């Protein structure tokens, strides 16, 4: 186990006081390296390649996926979660087993099982618990999007990864409506800011998609809107 992970696990209260920049700094200093960038987060891989840490500055929905994994410990289709913590300002750090891309055929097979499997298939337990959690939080999490299977592109492996030994893993099965949050933040900042307490959105202008895909002018406008209260 890396020293930084050992420290995070031994003092969760101190971890919760770090923001996403500070958490990422500790990972970098311990030899972790960025291995992926999504819309909301960056993913860091441990020096030995065994673990991955997902670090997000603003995270409305990911904790629900963590709840799913923890509700079904040992389910072979869900990743093993080593650590999960809210971060100062509304971010989140989640450490889990490191995964690799799944092949197209494996992705298709998982979703076929999702739709057709009998009650004894482990995917059925995942689907039922995911549907239950979706219904439970739909009215309480602002801009909740629900279950996310990337249905428009059957070959997209974004929600199906694999263990290094090849077994499939379902990931990121829920989403927040970022495509609504950020346009509305620019059009009507008060509406979006009212939906999230200040302590949960301090760094909402720093999610990976904003930083990666926006022009300097757009970044300035988003930062100004996010700070308008």
Protein backbone atom coordinates (compact mmCIF):
# COMPACT_ATOMS: atom_id res chain seq x y z
CA UNK A 1 0.00 0.00 0.00
CA UNK A 2 1.33 3.44 -0.90
CA UNK A 3 2.24 5.82 1.90
CA UNK A 4 -0.27 8.46 0.81
CA UNK A 5 -3.12 5.94 0.74
CA UNK A 6 -2.10 4.65 4.15
CA UNK A 7 -2.24 8.22 5.44
CA UNK A 8 -5.63 8.91 3.89
CA UNK A 9 -7.08 5.75 5.41
CA UNK A 10 -5.63 6.45 8.85
CA UNK A 11 -6.97 10.02 9.07
CA UNK A 12 -10.22 10.41 7.09
CA UNK A 13 -11.11 13.66 8.87
CA UNK A 14 -7.90 15.29 7.68
CA UNK A 15 -8.51 13.96 4.16
CA UNK A 16 -11.94 15.60 4.08
CA UNK A 17 -10.28 18.96 4.76
CA UNK A 18 -8.19 18.75 1.58
CA UNK A 19 -9.50 20.19 -1.67
CA UNK A 20 -9.04 18.40 -4.99
CA UNK A 21 -5.78 20.22 -5.77
CA UNK A 22 -4.24 19.25 -2.44
CA UNK A 23 -5.39 15.63 -2.74
CA UNK A 24 -3.92 15.43 -6.24
CA UNK A 25 -0.70 16.98 -4.95
CA UNK A 26 -0.33 14.25 -2.36
CA UNK A 27 -0.86 11.60 -5.04
CA UNK A 28 1.71 13.20 -7.32
CA UNK A 29 4.27 13.45 -4.51
CA UNK A 30 3.75 9.75 -3.76
CA UNK A 31 4.48 8.72 -7.35
CA UNK A 32 0.95 8.35 -8.72
CA UNK A 33 0.47 9.40 -12.36
CA UNK A 34 -2.51 10.66 -14.36
CA UNK A 35 -3.87 7.83 -16.49
CA UNK A 36 -7.23 9.24 -17.59
CA UNK A 37 -9.30 12.39 -17.88
CA UNK A 38 -13.10 12.38 -18.00
CA UNK A 39 -15.73 15.09 -17.97
CA UNK A 40 -15.72 15.56 -14.20
CA UNK A 41 -12.49 14.08 -12.93
CA UNK A 42 -8.90 13.03 -13.45
CA UNK A 43 -7.80 9.48 -12.71
CA UNK A 44 -4.44 8.69 -11.13
CA UNK A 45 -2.76 5.27 -11.09
CA UNK A 46 -0.69 4.09 -8.15
CA UNK A 47 3.04 3.50 -8.59
CA UNK A 48 2.56 -0.28 -8.53
CA UNK A 49 -0.36 -0.13 -10.98
CA UNK A 50 -2.76 -1.88 -8.59
CA UNK A 51 -5.04 1.05 -7.70
CA UNK A 52 -6.61 4.08 -9.37
CA UNK A 53 -7.72 7.30 -7.69
CA UNK A 54 -10.49 9.40 -9.17
CA UNK A 55 -10.22 13.08 -8.14
CA UNK A 56 -12.97 15.56 -8.94
CA UNK A 57 -13.32 19.23 -7.92
CA UNK A 58 -17.13 19.23 -8.08
CA UNK A 59 -19.10 16.02 -7.78
CA UNK A 60 -22.91 15.96 -7.64
CA UNK A 61 -23.47 12.28 -8.41
CA UNK A 62 -20.49 9.94 -8.01
CA UNK A 63 -21.18 9.04 -4.41
CA UNK A 64 -24.25 7.10 -5.59
CA UNK A 65 -22.03 4.77 -7.62
CA UNK A 66 -19.88 4.24 -4.53
CA UNK A 67 -23.03 3.39 -2.56
CA UNK A 68 -23.88 0.82 -5.23
CA UNK A 69 -20.47 -0.84 -4.98
CA UNK A 70 -20.61 -0.93 -1.20
CA UNK A 71 -24.15 -2.30 -1.18
CA UNK A 72 -23.00 -5.33 -3.18
CA UNK A 73 -19.55 -6.24 -1.78
CA UNK A 74 -17.91 -9.03 -3.71
CA UNK A 75 -20.13 -8.70 -6.77
CA UNK A 76 -17.77 -9.63 -9.64
CA UNK A 77 -19.15 -6.94 -11.94
CA UNK A 78 -18.35 -4.02 -9.63
CA UNK A 79 -14.92 -2.58 -8.81
CA UNK A 80 -13.44 -2.93 -5.35
CA UNK A 81 -13.54 0.42 -3.53
CA UNK A 82 -10.58 1.00 -1.22
CA UNK A 83 -11.39 4.56 -0.11
CA UNK A 84 -14.03 7.21 -0.76
CA UNK A 85 -14.18 10.68 0.71
CA UNK A 86 -15.83 14.01 0.08
CA UNK A 87 -13.25 16.78 -0.28
CA UNK A 88 -13.31 20.39 0.83
CA UNK A 89 -15.41 22.57 -1.46
CA UNK A 90 -17.51 19.81 -3.00
CA UNK A 91 -14.96 17.54 -4.63
CA UNK A 92 -14.49 13.82 -4.18
CA UNK A 93 -11.66 11.31 -3.99
CA UNK A 94 -12.37 7.66 -4.70
CA UNK A 95 -9.67 4.97 -4.75
CA UNK A 96 -10.49 1.62 -6.34
CA UNK A 97 -8.85 -1.27 -8.13
CA UNK A 98 -7.18 -0.15 -11.35
CA UNK A 99 -9.06 -1.15 -14.50
CA UNK A 100 -8.25 -1.29 -18.21
CA UNK A 101 -10.44 -0.80 -21.31
CA UNK A 102 -12.73 -3.69 -22.18
CA UNK A 103 -13.01 -5.07 -25.69
CA UNK A 104 -16.02 -4.36 -27.89
CA UNK A 105 -17.35 -7.92 -27.61
CA UNK A 106 -17.05 -7.91 -23.82
CA UNK A 107 -18.95 -4.63 -23.62
CA UNK A 108 -21.77 -5.96 -25.80
CA UNK A 109 -21.96 -9.16 -23.75
CA UNK A 110 -22.29 -7.28 -20.45
CA UNK A 111 -25.19 -5.16 -21.73
CA UNK A 112 -26.85 -8.25 -23.22
CA UNK A 113 -26.66 -9.87 -19.79
CA UNK A 114 -28.01 -6.66 -18.20
CA UNK A 115 -31.13 -6.90 -20.35
CA UNK A 116 -31.65 -10.66 -20.42
CA UNK A 117 -29.97 -12.31 -17.43
CA UNK A 118 -31.86 -14.46 -14.98
CA UNK A 119 -32.00 -13.82 -11.26
CA UNK A 120 -28.86 -15.85 -10.51
CA UNK A 121 -26.59 -13.75 -12.72
CA UNK A 122 -24.61 -11.18 -10.66
CA UNK A 123 -25.53 -8.49 -13.18
CA UNK A 124 -29.15 -8.78 -12.09
CA UNK A 125 -28.29 -7.77 -8.54
CA UNK A 126 -26.37 -4.78 -9.90
CA UNK A 127 -29.25 -3.71 -12.15
CA UNK A 128 -31.85 -3.99 -9.39
CA UNK A 129 -29.77 -2.09 -6.83
CA UNK A 130 -28.84 0.56 -9.41
CA UNK A 131 -32.49 1.06 -10.30
CA UNK A 132 -33.40 1.28 -6.61
CA UNK A 133 -30.73 3.90 -5.94
CA UNK A 134 -31.73 5.86 -9.03
CA UNK A 135 -35.33 6.09 -7.80
CA UNK A 136 -34.19 6.94 -4.26
CA UNK A 137 -32.02 9.94 -5.14
CA UNK A 138 -33.82 11.26 -8.24
CA UNK A 139 -35.61 13.97 -6.28
CA UNK A 140 -32.83 14.86 -3.85
CA UNK A 141 -29.69 15.33 -5.98
CA UNK A 142 -29.85 18.50 -8.12
CA UNK A 143 -29.55 17.92 -11.86
CA UNK A 144 -29.66 14.16 -11.38
CA UNK A 145 -29.42 12.35 -14.70
CA UNK A 146 -30.09 8.75 -13.66
CA UNK A 147 -28.61 5.52 -14.98
CA UNK A 148 -25.98 5.91 -17.69
CA UNK A 149 -25.35 3.15 -20.23
CA UNK A 150 -24.22 5.23 -23.23
CA UNK A 151 -27.10 3.71 -25.21
CA UNK A 152 -26.38 5.75 -28.33
CA UNK A 153 -23.12 3.91 -28.95
CA UNK A 154 -23.16 0.16 -28.20
CA UNK A 155 -19.41 -0.02 -28.80
CA UNK A 156 -18.61 2.65 -26.22
CA UNK A 157 -16.75 1.00 -23.37
CA UNK A 158 -16.97 3.99 -21.02
CA UNK A 159 -19.27 2.21 -18.57
CA UNK A 160 -17.66 -1.20 -18.95
CA UNK A 161 -14.02 -1.68 -18.03
CA UNK A 162 -12.03 -4.79 -17.18
CA UNK A 163 -9.74 -6.05 -14.47
CA UNK A 164 -6.17 -6.67 -15.68
CA UNK A 165 -7.07 -10.37 -15.72
CA UNK A 166 -9.94 -9.69 -18.13
CA UNK A 167 -13.08 -9.88 -15.99
CA UNK A 168 -15.56 -7.10 -16.84
CA UNK A 169 -16.41 -4.35 -14.39
CA UNK A 170 -19.30 -1.88 -14.57
CA UNK A 171 -18.30 1.69 -13.72
CA UNK A 172 -19.83 5.18 -13.56
CA UNK A 173 -23.38 3.90 -13.84
CA UNK A 174 -24.99 7.23 -12.88
CA UNK A 175 -24.58 10.76 -14.12
CA UNK A 176 -25.34 14.38 -13.37
CA UNK A 177 -26.63 16.64 -16.12
CA UNK A 178 -23.52 18.66 -16.76
CA UNK A 179 -24.86 19.63 -20.18
CA UNK A 180 -27.65 21.43 -18.34
CA UNK A 181 -25.72 22.72 -15.31
CA UNK A 182 -23.13 24.76 -17.14
CA UNK A 183 -25.30 26.43 -19.80
CA UNK A 184 -27.77 27.36 -17.05
CA UNK A 185 -24.92 28.61 -14.88
CA UNK A 186 -24.11 31.12 -17.63
CA UNK A 187 -27.73 31.98 -18.42
CA UNK A 188 -29.14 32.09 -14.88
CA UNK A 189 -26.41 31.75 -12.23
CA UNK A 190 -28.79 32.20 -9.31
CA UNK A 191 -30.78 29.11 -10.31
CA UNK A 192 -27.76 26.81 -10.36
CA UNK A 193 -26.10 28.33 -7.29
CA UNK A 194 -29.31 27.92 -5.32
CA UNK A 195 -29.35 24.20 -6.16
CA UNK A 196 -25.96 23.48 -4.58
CA UNK A 197 -24.83 24.73 -1.14
CA UNK A 198 -21.71 26.92 -1.32
CA UNK A 199 -19.60 24.23 0.33
CA UNK A 200 -20.53 21.76 -2.41
CA UNK A 201 -19.71 23.94 -5.44
CA UNK A 202 -16.67 26.01 -4.56
CA UNK A 203 -14.64 24.58 -7.44
CA UNK A 204 -17.38 23.85 -9.96
CA UNK A 205 -15.56 25.89 -12.62
CA UNK A 206 -12.61 23.48 -12.45
CA UNK A 207 -14.11 20.20 -13.63
CA UNK A 208 -12.09 18.47 -16.33
CA UNK A 209 -14.51 19.15 -19.19
CA UNK A 210 -14.56 22.90 -18.52
CA UNK A 211 -10.78 23.13 -18.31
CA UNK A 212 -10.19 20.86 -21.32
CA UNK A 213 -12.87 21.99 -23.75
CA UNK A 214 -13.54 25.69 -23.08
CA UNK A 215 -11.93 28.74 -24.59
CA UNK A 216 -10.21 31.19 -22.22
CA UNK A 217 -13.22 33.49 -22.60
CA UNK A 218 -15.63 30.68 -21.71
CA UNK A 219 -13.56 29.68 -18.69
CA UNK A 220 -13.59 33.29 -17.49
CA UNK A 221 -17.37 33.51 -17.93
CA UNK A 222 -17.95 30.23 -16.07
CA UNK A 223 -15.67 31.28 -13.21
CA UNK A 224 -17.42 34.64 -12.96
CA UNK A 225 -20.87 33.00 -12.91
CA UNK A 226 -19.80 30.41 -10.33
CA UNK A 227 -18.55 33.18 -8.04
CA UNK A 228 -21.51 35.50 -8.58
CA UNK A 229 -23.12 34.89 -5.19
